[in-house]
Amino acid sequence: MKIAIFSDSHGNHALLARAFDLAGDVDHIFHLGDETDDAIFLELLCGKTVIKVLGNCDFSTDSPRESLLSLAGMKFLLTHGDRYGVKGGLDKLTTRAAEEKADVVLYGHTHIPTVTTIDGILYVNPGCLKKGFSKPSFALLSFEDGTLSASIVPVTPLQD
């Protein structure tokens, strides 16, 4: 199983399309907010359903602020992260992950790509695809032969 994880694209469809191309063949696509209209763009681009959560710059009510789902026997917690104060650290998010008995937590908001494990839970922030951001990125999560891994994939910024 391979999952492409995007966040904080802020309307930058051209860079999001480039990132999607870099992701290659994936089984699932997640967008962690800011902006969920970009997730709809992705759905049109690839013909697949994109699992999406709202961020602090999203004003639609068509998607949840947080999502829990099970894939390959693992429990995933998806959130933008702003409600958990992730710019100030992961304490509130780790509490929430423990409450939900999550195996994997996917979050955005900070624009800082991160892959870390805390108390046996994998935390992934794919970074940002915002126009003008100097180091845009997304994340790939793989589960093969019982092994879970995540990586940050840099995306070359578009020239204006």
Protein backbone atom coordinates (compact mmCIF):
# COMPACT_ATOMS: atom_id res chain seq x y z
CA MET A 1 0.00 0.00 0.00
CA LYS A 2 1.28 3.46 -0.92
CA ILE A 3 -0.27 6.75 0.24
CA ALA A 4 0.46 10.26 -1.03
CA ILE A 5 0.00 12.94 1.65
CA PHE A 6 -0.41 16.62 0.79
CA SER A 7 -1.10 19.66 2.95
CA ASP A 8 -1.04 23.43 2.86
CA SER A 9 -1.17 23.76 -0.92
CA HIS A 10 -3.03 27.07 -0.59
CA GLY A 11 -4.42 27.06 -4.14
CA ASN A 12 -1.15 26.21 -5.89
CA HIS A 13 -2.64 23.75 -8.38
CA ALA A 14 0.40 23.73 -10.67
CA LEU A 15 2.78 22.64 -7.91
CA LEU A 16 0.22 20.21 -6.51
CA ALA A 17 -0.07 18.58 -9.95
CA ARG A 18 3.74 18.34 -10.15
CA ALA A 19 3.85 16.75 -6.69
CA PHE A 20 1.13 14.28 -7.65
CA ASP A 21 3.14 13.27 -10.72
CA LEU A 22 6.19 12.71 -8.51
CA ALA A 23 4.13 10.49 -6.19
CA GLY A 24 3.62 7.96 -8.96
CA ASP A 25 1.09 5.17 -8.62
CA VAL A 26 -0.55 5.40 -5.20
CA ASP A 27 -3.40 3.50 -3.56
CA HIS A 28 -4.69 6.41 -1.48
CA ILE A 29 -4.41 10.19 -1.46
CA PHE A 30 -4.84 12.38 1.63
CA HIS A 31 -5.03 16.18 1.80
CA LEU A 32 -4.67 17.70 5.26
CA GLY A 33 -6.24 21.09 4.63
CA ASP A 34 -5.46 24.59 3.50
CA GLU A 35 -7.18 24.34 0.93
CA THR A 36 -9.68 21.54 0.44
CA ASP A 37 -10.59 22.94 -2.99
CA ASP A 38 -7.14 21.70 -3.94
CA ALA A 39 -8.19 18.19 -2.90
CA ILE A 40 -11.14 18.48 -5.29
CA PHE A 41 -8.70 19.56 -8.02
CA LEU A 42 -6.65 16.42 -7.25
CA GLU A 43 -9.75 14.23 -7.52
CA LEU A 44 -10.46 15.65 -10.98
CA LEU A 45 -6.82 15.26 -11.97
CA CYS A 46 -6.45 11.61 -10.97
CA GLY A 47 -10.00 10.23 -10.90
CA LYS A 48 -9.58 8.93 -7.35
CA THR A 49 -11.26 9.91 -4.11
CA VAL A 50 -9.07 12.14 -1.97
CA ILE A 51 -9.56 11.81 1.79
CA LYS A 52 -9.53 15.37 3.11
CA VAL A 53 -9.80 17.32 6.33
CA LEU A 54 -10.35 21.03 6.77
CA GLY A 55 -7.58 23.40 7.81
CA ASN A 56 -7.70 26.82 9.42
CA CYS A 57 -7.90 28.49 5.96
CA ASP A 58 -10.84 26.34 4.82
CA PHE A 59 -14.35 27.66 5.16
CA SER A 60 -16.29 24.81 3.58
CA THR A 61 -18.36 22.48 5.72
CA ASP A 62 -18.20 19.61 3.22
CA SER A 63 -15.31 17.88 5.00
CA PRO A 64 -14.51 17.10 8.64
CA ARG A 65 -11.87 18.88 10.71
CA GLU A 66 -10.49 15.49 11.72
CA SER A 67 -10.82 11.97 10.40
CA LEU A 68 -10.14 8.52 11.83
CA LEU A 69 -9.82 5.61 9.44
CA SER A 70 -8.45 2.10 9.32
CA LEU A 71 -6.20 0.86 6.54
CA ALA A 72 -4.17 -2.35 6.46
CA GLY A 73 -5.07 -3.00 10.09
CA MET A 74 -3.72 0.36 11.26
CA LYS A 75 -5.65 3.29 12.70
CA PHE A 76 -4.93 6.66 11.08
CA LEU A 77 -5.70 10.05 12.63
CA LEU A 78 -5.83 12.86 10.04
CA THR A 79 -5.97 16.49 11.14
CA HIS A 80 -4.69 19.83 9.96
CA GLY A 81 -3.15 20.34 13.39
CA ASP A 82 -4.10 23.93 14.17
CA ARG A 83 -6.64 22.85 16.79
CA TYR A 84 -3.86 21.00 18.60
CA GLY A 85 -1.41 23.91 18.57
CA VAL A 86 1.19 21.98 16.56
CA LYS A 87 3.19 25.14 15.87
CA GLY A 88 4.04 25.09 19.58
CA GLY A 89 4.76 21.35 19.77
CA LEU A 90 3.00 18.01 19.53
CA ASP A 91 1.90 17.55 23.17
CA LYS A 92 -1.84 18.04 22.55
CA LEU A 93 -1.72 15.97 19.37
CA THR A 94 0.09 13.10 21.11
CA THR A 95 -2.60 13.14 23.81
CA ARG A 96 -5.31 12.94 21.13
CA ALA A 97 -3.47 10.14 19.29
CA ALA A 98 -3.21 8.12 22.51
CA GLU A 99 -6.93 8.64 23.26
CA GLU A 100 -7.81 7.29 19.81
CA LYS A 101 -5.19 4.52 19.95
CA ALA A 102 -3.84 5.73 16.60
CA ASP A 103 -0.95 4.00 14.88
CA VAL A 104 -0.31 6.85 12.44
CA VAL A 105 -0.97 10.59 12.80
CA LEU A 106 -0.95 12.81 9.73
CA TYR A 107 -1.00 16.57 10.24
CA GLY A 108 -0.01 19.83 8.54
CA HIS A 109 -0.27 23.51 9.49
CA THR A 110 3.40 24.14 10.40
CA HIS A 111 4.65 23.93 6.78
CA ILE A 112 7.62 22.01 8.23
CA PRO A 113 8.03 18.48 6.84
CA THR A 114 8.46 15.97 9.64
CA VAL A 115 8.61 12.21 10.10
CA THR A 116 8.97 11.11 13.71
CA THR A 117 7.86 8.36 16.06
CA ILE A 118 6.60 9.17 19.55
CA ASP A 119 5.54 6.39 21.93
CA GLY A 120 5.32 3.95 19.04
CA ILE A 121 3.05 6.21 16.94
CA LEU A 122 4.26 7.48 13.56
CA TYR A 123 3.73 11.24 13.02
CA VAL A 124 4.01 12.67 9.52
CA ASN A 125 3.76 16.28 8.38
CA PRO A 126 4.17 16.45 4.60
CA GLY A 127 5.25 20.08 4.59
CA CYS A 128 3.82 22.69 2.27
CA LEU A 129 3.14 23.33 -1.42
CA LYS A 130 2.28 27.01 -1.03
CA LYS A 131 3.31 29.38 -3.82
CA GLY A 132 6.53 31.16 -2.95
CA PHE A 133 7.55 28.63 -0.30
CA SER A 134 11.28 27.92 -0.69
CA LYS A 135 11.24 24.19 0.07
CA PRO A 136 7.90 22.68 -1.01
CA SER A 137 7.29 19.01 -0.23
CA PHE A 138 4.80 16.21 0.28
CA ALA A 139 5.02 12.81 1.97
CA LEU A 140 4.77 9.22 0.86
CA LEU A 141 3.76 6.51 3.27
CA SER A 142 4.35 2.85 2.38
CA PHE A 143 3.23 -0.35 4.02
CA GLU A 144 4.88 -3.41 2.52
CA ASP A 145 5.65 -6.82 3.98
CA GLY A 146 4.44 -5.66 7.39
CA THR A 147 6.77 -2.66 7.43
CA LEU A 148 5.49 0.91 7.63
CA SER A 149 7.72 3.72 6.38
CA ALA A 150 7.32 7.38 5.51
CA SER A 151 9.46 9.77 3.50
CA ILE A 152 9.40 13.43 2.64
CA VAL A 153 9.59 14.18 -1.08
CA PRO A 154 10.94 17.60 -2.11
CA VAL A 155 9.27 19.32 -5.05
CA THR A 156 11.18 21.81 -7.18
CA PRO A 157 9.47 25.20 -6.84
CA LEU A 158 7.91 26.63 -9.98
CA GLN A 159 9.56 29.67 -11.50
CA ASP A 160 7.29 32.72 -11.64
